[in-house]
Amino acid sequence: MIGLLLGLGVGAGLFLIWWSCWVPQPPVPGSDRRPAVIRRLSDDLAQAGYESMSPRMLLGACASAFVLVFLIAFAVSAVPMIAVCFAVMAAWAPVALVRMRARKRRGRLRDLWPDVVDNVTSAVRAGMALPEALAQLAIRGPEELRPAFAAFAHDYRTTGRFNDCLNLLKARLGDPVGDRLVESLRIAREVGGSDLGQLLRTLSTFLREDARTRAELEARQSWTVNAAKLAVSAPWVVLAMLSTRPESVSAYSSRLGGLILLIGAGITVVAYRLMMRLGRLPLEGRVLR
């Protein structure tokens, strides 16, 4: 017993000596220290319009879908491996739904952002202060973006802190174009300058050209992406139909049958990820987060 306590004491002392050699880095003000997965889900929820839902709530929905579909599939097919495969698909379904909605909403906002920039440009040219130029978008801006700017106006009337309200606005929008607009206005507020109008007009022109180019490319690639999705989902639809007859899927109860399902699932995931990478335009990252 004495030897054990002595060993624990020596080990704890060595660990404390090693730990003291590493100086913790102070957190950068304004930085987001959450894991990358949580940040990505948070951006997807904001871009999809689900501001009231947190990433943990979304992950909870995924876990609930996994359990529910596993129980149903196992009751129907009586094959655990088939139930696990469909349960994993169901667990991914909430995330896929949020990202699909976020992608569609980004496409709609891509056509609205130039009007937002033009509206801010007109307000600045008319002599409005920058907070007023943003707040009036709650009334005169595009319908899709009015709630975010209405919340900004409420925050600014409550606190009067322009920078903090801009940070909240960026979090609500979760959009790279919104980040650029917000940072342009922040710089204009802090350092001033007479080129803000020209900057905003240039940004508006660039956004219109980018939206037109992306619309043309997405129209040409949409049929390829849809055909690839159909090819990936077809085998699993057939397996779901076969699962209604236990005698047809009894072979998958063996170890070899489970291995075949695992290989098929792996090929499906690799093919789907490869299709998404090759057949869809890359998303613009939030470098000004």
C-alpha atoms as a PDB file:
ATOM      1  CA  MET A   1       0.000   0.000   0.000  1.00  0.00           C
ATOM      2  CA  ILE A   2       2.829   2.387   0.908  1.00  0.00           C
ATOM      3  CA  GLY A   3       4.550   1.641  -2.404  1.00  0.00           C
ATOM      4  CA  LEU A   4       1.317   2.340  -4.311  1.00  0.00           C
ATOM      5  CA  LEU A   5       0.823   5.691  -2.572  1.00  0.00           C
ATOM      6  CA  LEU A   6       4.462   6.589  -3.161  1.00  0.00           C
ATOM      7  CA  GLY A   7       4.129   5.774  -6.860  1.00  0.00           C
ATOM      8  CA  LEU A   8       0.954   7.846  -7.182  1.00  0.00           C
ATOM      9  CA  GLY A   9       2.626  10.773  -5.425  1.00  0.00           C
ATOM     10  CA  VAL A  10       5.690  10.646  -7.677  1.00  0.00           C
ATOM     11  CA  GLY A  11       3.505  10.360 -10.788  1.00  0.00           C
ATOM     12  CA  ALA A  12       1.339  13.289  -9.723  1.00  0.00           C
ATOM     13  CA  GLY A  13       4.433  15.381  -9.022  1.00  0.00           C
ATOM     14  CA  LEU A  14       5.966  14.601 -12.422  1.00  0.00           C
ATOM     15  CA  PHE A  15       2.679  15.441 -14.111  1.00  0.00           C
ATOM     16  CA  LEU A  16       2.473  18.803 -12.325  1.00  0.00           C
ATOM     17  CA  ILE A  17       6.079  19.603 -13.312  1.00  0.00           C
ATOM     18  CA  TRP A  18       5.297  18.759 -16.959  1.00  0.00           C
ATOM     19  CA  TRP A  19       2.060  20.786 -16.851  1.00  0.00           C
ATOM     20  CA  SER A  20       3.880  23.851 -15.485  1.00  0.00           C
ATOM     21  CA  CYS A  21       6.106  23.940 -18.587  1.00  0.00           C
ATOM     22  CA  TRP A  22       3.154  24.850 -20.831  1.00  0.00           C
ATOM     23  CA  VAL A  23       1.937  28.429 -20.637  1.00  0.00           C
ATOM     24  CA  PRO A  24      -1.776  28.658 -21.500  1.00  0.00           C
ATOM     25  CA  GLN A  25      -2.559  31.030 -24.334  1.00  0.00           C
ATOM     26  CA  PRO A  26      -5.058  33.763 -23.460  1.00  0.00           C
ATOM     27  CA  PRO A  27      -8.237  33.635 -25.535  1.00  0.00           C
ATOM     28  CA  VAL A  28      -8.381  36.075 -28.429  1.00  0.00           C
ATOM     29  CA  PRO A  29     -11.183  38.611 -27.888  1.00  0.00           C
ATOM     30  CA  GLY A  30     -14.111  37.919 -30.154  1.00  0.00           C
ATOM     31  CA  SER A  31     -12.820  34.498 -31.248  1.00  0.00           C
ATOM     32  CA  ASP A  32     -15.084  31.476 -31.409  1.00  0.00           C
ATOM     33  CA  ARG A  33     -13.507  28.639 -29.419  1.00  0.00           C
ATOM     34  CA  ARG A  34     -16.236  26.096 -30.124  1.00  0.00           C
ATOM     35  CA  PRO A  35     -15.374  22.885 -32.023  1.00  0.00           C
ATOM     36  CA  ALA A  36     -15.435  23.139 -35.808  1.00  0.00           C
ATOM     37  CA  VAL A  37     -18.428  20.786 -36.072  1.00  0.00           C
ATOM     38  CA  ILE A  38     -20.494  22.916 -33.690  1.00  0.00           C
ATOM     39  CA  ARG A  39     -19.522  26.093 -35.561  1.00  0.00           C
ATOM     40  CA  ARG A  40     -20.531  24.527 -38.879  1.00  0.00           C
ATOM     41  CA  LEU A  41     -23.888  23.390 -37.504  1.00  0.00           C
ATOM     42  CA  SER A  42     -24.472  26.806 -35.952  1.00  0.00           C
ATOM     43  CA  ASP A  43     -23.825  28.498 -39.310  1.00  0.00           C
ATOM     44  CA  ASP A  44     -26.133  26.047 -41.078  1.00  0.00           C
ATOM     45  CA  LEU A  45     -28.933  26.701 -38.588  1.00  0.00           C
ATOM     46  CA  ALA A  46     -28.525  30.468 -38.920  1.00  0.00           C
ATOM     47  CA  GLN A  47     -28.486  30.303 -42.712  1.00  0.00           C
ATOM     48  CA  ALA A  48     -31.522  28.003 -42.714  1.00  0.00           C
ATOM     49  CA  GLY A  49     -33.496  30.454 -40.576  1.00  0.00           C
ATOM     50  CA  TYR A  50     -33.607  28.286 -37.431  1.00  0.00           C
ATOM     51  CA  GLU A  51     -32.112  30.845 -35.038  1.00  0.00           C
ATOM     52  CA  SER A  52     -34.018  29.439 -32.063  1.00  0.00           C
ATOM     53  CA  MET A  53     -32.484  25.964 -32.491  1.00  0.00           C
ATOM     54  CA  SER A  54     -29.038  25.249 -31.093  1.00  0.00           C
ATOM     55  CA  PRO A  55     -26.534  22.715 -32.506  1.00  0.00           C
ATOM     56  CA  ARG A  56     -27.049  20.515 -29.451  1.00  0.00           C
ATOM     57  CA  MET A  57     -30.784  20.426 -30.085  1.00  0.00           C
ATOM     58  CA  LEU A  58     -30.081  19.359 -33.663  1.00  0.00           C
ATOM     59  CA  LEU A  59     -27.748  16.601 -32.468  1.00  0.00           C
ATOM     60  CA  GLY A  60     -30.447  15.506 -30.004  1.00  0.00           C
ATOM     61  CA  ALA A  61     -32.911  15.238 -32.898  1.00  0.00           C
ATOM     62  CA  CYS A  62     -30.377  13.107 -34.781  1.00  0.00           C
ATOM     63  CA  ALA A  63     -30.012  10.756 -31.797  1.00  0.00           C
ATOM     64  CA  SER A  64     -33.791  10.492 -31.395  1.00  0.00           C
ATOM     65  CA  ALA A  65     -34.209   9.711 -35.101  1.00  0.00           C
ATOM     66  CA  PHE A  66     -31.534   7.009 -34.847  1.00  0.00           C
ATOM     67  CA  VAL A  67     -33.235   5.253 -31.944  1.00  0.00           C
ATOM     68  CA  LEU A  68     -36.740   5.505 -33.405  1.00  0.00           C
ATOM     69  CA  VAL A  69     -35.818   4.253 -36.885  1.00  0.00           C
ATOM     70  CA  PHE A  70     -33.659   1.468 -35.459  1.00  0.00           C
ATOM     71  CA  LEU A  71     -36.570   0.136 -33.424  1.00  0.00           C
ATOM     72  CA  ILE A  72     -38.977   0.349 -36.361  1.00  0.00           C
ATOM     73  CA  ALA A  73     -36.564  -1.204 -38.877  1.00  0.00           C
ATOM     74  CA  PHE A  74     -35.631  -4.010 -36.487  1.00  0.00           C
ATOM     75  CA  ALA A  75     -39.300  -4.743 -35.826  1.00  0.00           C
ATOM     76  CA  VAL A  76     -39.978  -4.952 -39.571  1.00  0.00           C
ATOM     77  CA  SER A  77     -36.893  -6.776 -40.844  1.00  0.00           C
ATOM     78  CA  ALA A  78     -35.653  -8.591 -37.697  1.00  0.00           C
ATOM     79  CA  VAL A  79     -32.085  -8.039 -38.996  1.00  0.00           C
ATOM     80  CA  PRO A  80     -29.932  -5.837 -36.717  1.00  0.00           C
ATOM     81  CA  MET A  81     -27.459  -4.781 -39.426  1.00  0.00           C
ATOM     82  CA  ILE A  82     -30.219  -3.543 -41.739  1.00  0.00           C
ATOM     83  CA  ALA A  83     -31.793  -1.669 -38.847  1.00  0.00           C
ATOM     84  CA  VAL A  84     -28.452  -0.010 -38.064  1.00  0.00           C
ATOM     85  CA  CYS A  85     -27.955   1.078 -41.695  1.00  0.00           C
ATOM     86  CA  PHE A  86     -31.370   2.746 -41.922  1.00  0.00           C
ATOM     87  CA  ALA A  87     -30.978   4.221 -38.435  1.00  0.00           C
ATOM     88  CA  VAL A  88     -27.699   5.895 -39.472  1.00  0.00           C
ATOM     89  CA  MET A  89     -29.448   7.345 -42.530  1.00  0.00           C
ATOM     90  CA  ALA A  90     -32.259   8.641 -40.329  1.00  0.00           C
ATOM     91  CA  ALA A  91     -29.752  10.153 -37.898  1.00  0.00           C
ATOM     92  CA  TRP A  92     -28.176  12.110 -40.766  1.00  0.00           C
ATOM     93  CA  ALA A  93     -31.571  13.236 -42.109  1.00  0.00           C
ATOM     94  CA  PRO A  94     -32.041  16.268 -39.749  1.00  0.00           C
ATOM     95  CA  VAL A  95     -28.597  17.629 -40.629  1.00  0.00           C
ATOM     96  CA  ALA A  96     -29.216  17.038 -44.334  1.00  0.00           C
ATOM     97  CA  LEU A  97     -32.590  18.791 -44.081  1.00  0.00           C
ATOM     98  CA  VAL A  98     -31.066  21.819 -42.353  1.00  0.00           C
ATOM     99  CA  ARG A  99     -28.255  22.047 -44.902  1.00  0.00           C
ATOM    100  CA  MET A 100     -30.669  21.695 -47.816  1.00  0.00           C
ATOM    101  CA  ARG A 101     -32.806  24.508 -46.447  1.00  0.00           C
ATOM    102  CA  ALA A 102     -29.688  26.594 -45.770  1.00  0.00           C
ATOM    103  CA  ARG A 103     -28.492  26.039 -49.347  1.00  0.00           C
ATOM    104  CA  LYS A 104     -31.846  27.106 -50.794  1.00  0.00           C
ATOM    105  CA  ARG A 105     -32.011  30.143 -48.515  1.00  0.00           C
ATOM    106  CA  ARG A 106     -28.462  31.153 -49.467  1.00  0.00           C
ATOM    107  CA  GLY A 107     -29.551  31.014 -53.093  1.00  0.00           C
ATOM    108  CA  ARG A 108     -32.467  33.344 -52.373  1.00  0.00           C
ATOM    109  CA  LEU A 109     -30.326  35.710 -50.306  1.00  0.00           C
ATOM    110  CA  ARG A 110     -27.714  35.800 -53.045  1.00  0.00           C
ATOM    111  CA  ASP A 111     -30.221  37.698 -55.165  1.00  0.00           C
ATOM    112  CA  LEU A 112     -31.262  39.961 -52.275  1.00  0.00           C
ATOM    113  CA  TRP A 113     -27.892  41.133 -50.960  1.00  0.00           C
ATOM    114  CA  PRO A 114     -27.255  43.597 -53.823  1.00  0.00           C
ATOM    115  CA  ASP A 115     -30.540  45.329 -52.978  1.00  0.00           C
ATOM    116  CA  VAL A 116     -29.495  45.493 -49.312  1.00  0.00           C
ATOM    117  CA  VAL A 117     -26.157  47.069 -50.236  1.00  0.00           C
ATOM    118  CA  ASP A 118     -27.888  49.551 -52.570  1.00  0.00           C
ATOM    119  CA  ASN A 119     -30.302  50.466 -49.787  1.00  0.00           C
ATOM    120  CA  VAL A 120     -27.473  51.109 -47.336  1.00  0.00           C
ATOM    121  CA  THR A 121     -25.621  53.122 -49.978  1.00  0.00           C
ATOM    122  CA  SER A 122     -28.660  55.331 -50.563  1.00  0.00           C
ATOM    123  CA  ALA A 123     -29.141  55.842 -46.831  1.00  0.00           C
ATOM    124  CA  VAL A 124     -25.495  56.814 -46.310  1.00  0.00           C
ATOM    125  CA  ARG A 125     -25.620  59.157 -49.283  1.00  0.00           C
ATOM    126  CA  ALA A 126     -28.746  60.770 -47.819  1.00  0.00           C
ATOM    127  CA  GLY A 127     -26.812  61.614 -44.649  1.00  0.00           C
ATOM    128  CA  MET A 128     -28.002  58.874 -42.308  1.00  0.00           C
ATOM    129  CA  ALA A 129     -25.702  57.544 -39.639  1.00  0.00           C
ATOM    130  CA  LEU A 130     -24.519  53.979 -40.114  1.00  0.00           C
ATOM    131  CA  PRO A 131     -26.682  52.539 -37.304  1.00  0.00           C
ATOM    132  CA  GLU A 132     -29.730  54.245 -38.797  1.00  0.00           C
ATOM    133  CA  ALA A 133     -28.825  53.000 -42.276  1.00  0.00           C
ATOM    134  CA  LEU A 134     -28.849  49.419 -40.983  1.00  0.00           C
ATOM    135  CA  ALA A 135     -31.892  49.855 -38.753  1.00  0.00           C
ATOM    136  CA  GLN A 136     -34.071  51.175 -41.593  1.00  0.00           C
ATOM    137  CA  LEU A 137     -33.560  47.850 -43.420  1.00  0.00           C
ATOM    138  CA  ALA A 138     -36.020  46.383 -40.907  1.00  0.00           C
ATOM    139  CA  ILE A 139     -38.704  48.343 -42.778  1.00  0.00           C
ATOM    140  CA  ARG A 140     -37.331  48.967 -46.273  1.00  0.00           C
ATOM    141  CA  GLY A 141     -35.095  45.949 -46.733  1.00  0.00           C
ATOM    142  CA  PRO A 142     -35.974  42.604 -48.342  1.00  0.00           C
ATOM    143  CA  GLU A 143     -38.656  40.643 -46.513  1.00  0.00           C
ATOM    144  CA  GLU A 144     -36.333  37.687 -45.885  1.00  0.00           C
ATOM    145  CA  LEU A 145     -33.778  39.791 -44.005  1.00  0.00           C
ATOM    146  CA  ARG A 146     -36.024  42.166 -42.088  1.00  0.00           C
ATOM    147  CA  PRO A 147     -36.144  40.135 -38.818  1.00  0.00           C
ATOM    148  CA  ALA A 148     -32.339  40.171 -38.478  1.00  0.00           C
ATOM    149  CA  PHE A 149     -32.098  43.925 -39.005  1.00  0.00           C
ATOM    150  CA  ALA A 150     -35.097  44.527 -36.740  1.00  0.00           C
ATOM    151  CA  ALA A 151     -33.239  42.644 -33.998  1.00  0.00           C
ATOM    152  CA  PHE A 152     -30.160  44.810 -34.720  1.00  0.00           C
ATOM    153  CA  ALA A 153     -32.250  47.975 -34.353  1.00  0.00           C
ATOM    154  CA  HIS A 154     -33.644  46.718 -31.041  1.00  0.00           C
ATOM    155  CA  ASP A 155     -30.176  45.821 -29.754  1.00  0.00           C
ATOM    156  CA  TYR A 156     -28.768  49.216 -30.717  1.00  0.00           C
ATOM    157  CA  ARG A 157     -31.642  51.106 -29.094  1.00  0.00           C
ATOM    158  CA  THR A 158     -31.147  49.035 -25.947  1.00  0.00           C
ATOM    159  CA  THR A 159     -27.359  49.153 -25.595  1.00  0.00           C
ATOM    160  CA  GLY A 160     -26.056  51.821 -27.979  1.00  0.00           C
ATOM    161  CA  ARG A 161     -22.955  49.660 -28.611  1.00  0.00           C
ATOM    162  CA  PHE A 162     -22.509  49.579 -32.371  1.00  0.00           C
ATOM    163  CA  ASN A 163     -19.697  47.000 -32.500  1.00  0.00           C
ATOM    164  CA  ASP A 164     -21.452  44.555 -30.187  1.00  0.00           C
ATOM    165  CA  CYS A 165     -24.682  44.894 -32.163  1.00  0.00           C
ATOM    166  CA  LEU A 166     -22.776  44.233 -35.394  1.00  0.00           C
ATOM    167  CA  ASN A 167     -21.356  41.030 -33.894  1.00  0.00           C
ATOM    168  CA  LEU A 168     -24.850  39.866 -32.985  1.00  0.00           C
ATOM    169  CA  LEU A 169     -26.064  40.732 -36.478  1.00  0.00           C
ATOM    170  CA  LYS A 170     -23.289  38.649 -38.034  1.00  0.00           C
ATOM    171  CA  ALA A 171     -24.203  35.700 -35.820  1.00  0.00           C
ATOM    172  CA  ARG A 172     -27.876  35.944 -36.803  1.00  0.00           C
ATOM    173  CA  LEU A 173     -27.158  36.202 -40.517  1.00  0.00           C
ATOM    174  CA  GLY A 174     -24.403  33.570 -40.642  1.00  0.00           C
ATOM    175  CA  ASP A 175     -23.678  34.649 -44.210  1.00  0.00           C
ATOM    176  CA  PRO A 176     -20.277  35.536 -45.765  1.00  0.00           C
ATOM    177  CA  VAL A 177     -21.802  38.408 -47.747  1.00  0.00           C
ATOM    178  CA  GLY A 178     -23.325  39.794 -44.570  1.00  0.00           C
ATOM    179  CA  ASP A 179     -19.904  39.502 -42.913  1.00  0.00           C
ATOM    180  CA  ARG A 180     -18.336  41.626 -45.651  1.00  0.00           C
ATOM    181  CA  LEU A 181     -21.039  44.267 -45.407  1.00  0.00           C
ATOM    182  CA  VAL A 182     -20.815  44.399 -41.616  1.00  0.00           C
ATOM    183  CA  GLU A 183     -17.015  44.675 -41.572  1.00  0.00           C
ATOM    184  CA  SER A 184     -17.081  47.410 -44.223  1.00  0.00           C
ATOM    185  CA  LEU A 185     -19.470  49.434 -42.086  1.00  0.00           C
ATOM    186  CA  ARG A 186     -17.422  48.743 -38.959  1.00  0.00           C
ATOM    187  CA  ILE A 187     -14.245  50.061 -40.592  1.00  0.00           C
ATOM    188  CA  ALA A 188     -16.109  53.107 -41.901  1.00  0.00           C
ATOM    189  CA  ARG A 189     -17.435  53.762 -38.393  1.00  0.00           C
ATOM    190  CA  GLU A 190     -14.037  53.431 -36.687  1.00  0.00           C
ATOM    191  CA  VAL A 191     -11.622  55.097 -39.122  1.00  0.00           C
ATOM    192  CA  GLY A 192     -13.987  57.110 -41.289  1.00  0.00           C
ATOM    193  CA  GLY A 193     -13.412  57.818 -44.959  1.00  0.00           C
ATOM    194  CA  SER A 194     -15.181  59.297 -47.939  1.00  0.00           C
ATOM    195  CA  ASP A 195     -14.944  56.174 -50.115  1.00  0.00           C
ATOM    196  CA  LEU A 196     -17.646  54.191 -48.347  1.00  0.00           C
ATOM    197  CA  GLY A 197     -20.192  54.906 -51.071  1.00  0.00           C
ATOM    198  CA  GLN A 198     -17.814  53.774 -53.805  1.00  0.00           C
ATOM    199  CA  LEU A 199     -16.934  50.673 -51.795  1.00  0.00           C
ATOM    200  CA  LEU A 200     -20.573  49.727 -51.368  1.00  0.00           C
ATOM    201  CA  ARG A 201     -21.355  50.322 -55.060  1.00  0.00           C
ATOM    202  CA  THR A 202     -18.420  48.118 -56.052  1.00  0.00           C
ATOM    203  CA  LEU A 203     -19.604  45.424 -53.636  1.00  0.00           C
ATOM    204  CA  SER A 204     -23.132  45.588 -55.081  1.00  0.00           C
ATOM    205  CA  THR A 205     -21.833  45.193 -58.653  1.00  0.00           C
ATOM    206  CA  PHE A 206     -19.634  42.259 -57.662  1.00  0.00           C
ATOM    207  CA  LEU A 207     -22.513  40.519 -55.849  1.00  0.00           C
ATOM    208  CA  ARG A 208     -24.802  40.817 -58.869  1.00  0.00           C
ATOM    209  CA  GLU A 209     -22.185  39.370 -61.209  1.00  0.00           C
ATOM    210  CA  ASP A 210     -21.409  36.553 -58.778  1.00  0.00           C
ATOM    211  CA  ALA A 211     -25.113  35.685 -58.357  1.00  0.00           C
ATOM    212  CA  ARG A 212     -25.650  35.605 -62.118  1.00  0.00           C
ATOM    213  CA  THR A 213     -22.607  33.399 -62.724  1.00  0.00           C
ATOM    214  CA  ARG A 214     -23.514  30.974 -59.927  1.00  0.00           C
ATOM    215  CA  ALA A 215     -27.100  30.700 -61.148  1.00  0.00           C
ATOM    216  CA  GLU A 216     -25.916  29.694 -64.616  1.00  0.00           C
ATOM    217  CA  LEU A 217     -23.440  27.126 -63.298  1.00  0.00           C
ATOM    218  CA  GLU A 218     -25.909  25.612 -60.846  1.00  0.00           C
ATOM    219  CA  ALA A 219     -28.545  25.279 -63.572  1.00  0.00           C
ATOM    220  CA  ARG A 220     -26.082  23.309 -65.688  1.00  0.00           C
ATOM    221  CA  GLN A 221     -24.919  21.076 -62.839  1.00  0.00           C
ATOM    222  CA  SER A 222     -28.255  20.419 -61.142  1.00  0.00           C
ATOM    223  CA  TRP A 223     -29.214  17.509 -63.390  1.00  0.00           C
ATOM    224  CA  THR A 224     -25.852  15.819 -62.739  1.00  0.00           C
ATOM    225  CA  VAL A 225     -26.246  16.155 -58.970  1.00  0.00           C
ATOM    226  CA  ASN A 226     -29.848  14.892 -59.024  1.00  0.00           C
ATOM    227  CA  ALA A 227     -28.931  11.886 -61.185  1.00  0.00           C
ATOM    228  CA  ALA A 228     -26.077  10.998 -58.827  1.00  0.00           C
ATOM    229  CA  LYS A 229     -28.390  11.240 -55.799  1.00  0.00           C
ATOM    230  CA  LEU A 230     -30.865   8.911 -57.478  1.00  0.00           C
ATOM    231  CA  ALA A 231     -28.114   6.393 -58.282  1.00  0.00           C
ATOM    232  CA  VAL A 232     -26.901   6.432 -54.664  1.00  0.00           C
ATOM    233  CA  SER A 233     -30.356   6.058 -53.092  1.00  0.00           C
ATOM    234  CA  ALA A 234     -31.765   3.418 -55.469  1.00  0.00           C
ATOM    235  CA  PRO A 235     -30.070   0.348 -53.866  1.00  0.00           C
ATOM    236  CA  TRP A 236     -31.259   1.355 -50.385  1.00  0.00           C
ATOM    237  CA  VAL A 237     -34.817   1.877 -51.604  1.00  0.00           C
ATOM    238  CA  VAL A 238     -34.739  -1.650 -52.997  1.00  0.00           C
ATOM    239  CA  LEU A 239     -33.356  -2.956 -49.692  1.00  0.00           C
ATOM    240  CA  ALA A 240     -36.130  -1.165 -47.792  1.00  0.00           C
ATOM    241  CA  MET A 241     -38.733  -2.835 -49.991  1.00  0.00           C
ATOM    242  CA  LEU A 242     -37.112  -6.230 -49.468  1.00  0.00           C
ATOM    243  CA  SER A 243     -37.043  -5.691 -45.698  1.00  0.00           C
ATOM    244  CA  THR A 244     -40.828  -6.052 -45.571  1.00  0.00           C
ATOM    245  CA  ARG A 245     -40.311  -9.757 -46.307  1.00  0.00           C
ATOM    246  CA  PRO A 246     -38.047 -11.315 -43.628  1.00  0.00           C
ATOM    247  CA  GLU A 247     -37.319 -14.377 -45.766  1.00  0.00           C
ATOM    248  CA  SER A 248     -35.793 -12.127 -48.450  1.00  0.00           C
ATOM    249  CA  VAL A 249     -33.289 -10.475 -46.096  1.00  0.00           C
ATOM    250  CA  SER A 250     -32.525 -13.397 -43.803  1.00  0.00           C
ATOM    251  CA  ALA A 251     -29.125 -13.758 -45.514  1.00  0.00           C
ATOM    252  CA  TYR A 252     -28.024 -10.444 -44.017  1.00  0.00           C
ATOM    253  CA  SER A 253     -28.344 -11.902 -40.504  1.00  0.00           C
ATOM    254  CA  SER A 254     -25.086 -13.795 -40.984  1.00  0.00           C
ATOM    255  CA  ARG A 255     -21.628 -12.344 -40.510  1.00  0.00           C
ATOM    256  CA  LEU A 256     -20.939 -12.372 -44.253  1.00  0.00           C
ATOM    257  CA  GLY A 257     -24.228 -10.587 -44.957  1.00  0.00           C
ATOM    258  CA  GLY A 258     -23.410  -7.907 -42.405  1.00  0.00           C
ATOM    259  CA  LEU A 259     -19.970  -7.448 -43.979  1.00  0.00           C
ATOM    260  CA  ILE A 260     -21.577  -6.978 -47.390  1.00  0.00           C
ATOM    261  CA  LEU A 261     -23.897  -4.343 -45.958  1.00  0.00           C
ATOM    262  CA  LEU A 262     -20.972  -2.523 -44.340  1.00  0.00           C
ATOM    263  CA  ILE A 263     -19.014  -2.544 -47.613  1.00  0.00           C
ATOM    264  CA  GLY A 264     -22.074  -1.304 -49.502  1.00  0.00           C
ATOM    265  CA  ALA A 265     -22.647   1.457 -46.960  1.00  0.00           C
ATOM    266  CA  GLY A 266     -18.990   2.517 -47.174  1.00  0.00           C
ATOM    267  CA  ILE A 267     -19.107   2.625 -50.974  1.00  0.00           C
ATOM    268  CA  THR A 268     -22.311   4.658 -50.799  1.00  0.00           C
ATOM    269  CA  VAL A 269     -20.775   7.219 -48.429  1.00  0.00           C
ATOM    270  CA  VAL A 270     -17.603   7.552 -50.516  1.00  0.00           C
ATOM    271  CA  ALA A 271     -19.583   7.870 -53.758  1.00  0.00           C
ATOM    272  CA  TYR A 272     -21.937  10.448 -52.229  1.00  0.00           C
ATOM    273  CA  ARG A 273     -19.120  12.579 -50.840  1.00  0.00           C
ATOM    274  CA  LEU A 274     -17.228  12.376 -54.134  1.00  0.00           C
ATOM    275  CA  MET A 275     -20.364  13.331 -56.052  1.00  0.00           C
ATOM    276  CA  MET A 276     -20.991  16.313 -53.775  1.00  0.00           C
ATOM    277  CA  ARG A 277     -17.390  17.489 -54.126  1.00  0.00           C
ATOM    278  CA  LEU A 278     -17.260  17.170 -57.923  1.00  0.00           C
ATOM    279  CA  GLY A 279     -20.817  18.082 -58.855  1.00  0.00           C
ATOM    280  CA  ARG A 280     -21.517  21.131 -56.689  1.00  0.00           C
ATOM    281  CA  LEU A 281     -19.975  24.570 -56.533  1.00  0.00           C
ATOM    282  CA  PRO A 282     -17.854  25.210 -53.421  1.00  0.00           C
ATOM    283  CA  LEU A 283     -19.447  27.338 -50.740  1.00  0.00           C
ATOM    284  CA  GLU A 284     -17.952  30.665 -49.821  1.00  0.00           C
ATOM    285  CA  GLY A 285     -16.306  30.482 -46.418  1.00  0.00           C
ATOM    286  CA  ARG A 286     -16.864  32.965 -43.596  1.00  0.00           C
ATOM    287  CA  VAL A 287     -13.324  34.360 -43.500  1.00  0.00           C
ATOM    288  CA  LEU A 288     -14.555  37.505 -41.717  1.00  0.00           C
ATOM    289  CA  ARG A 289     -16.291  35.588 -38.937  1.00  0.00           C
END
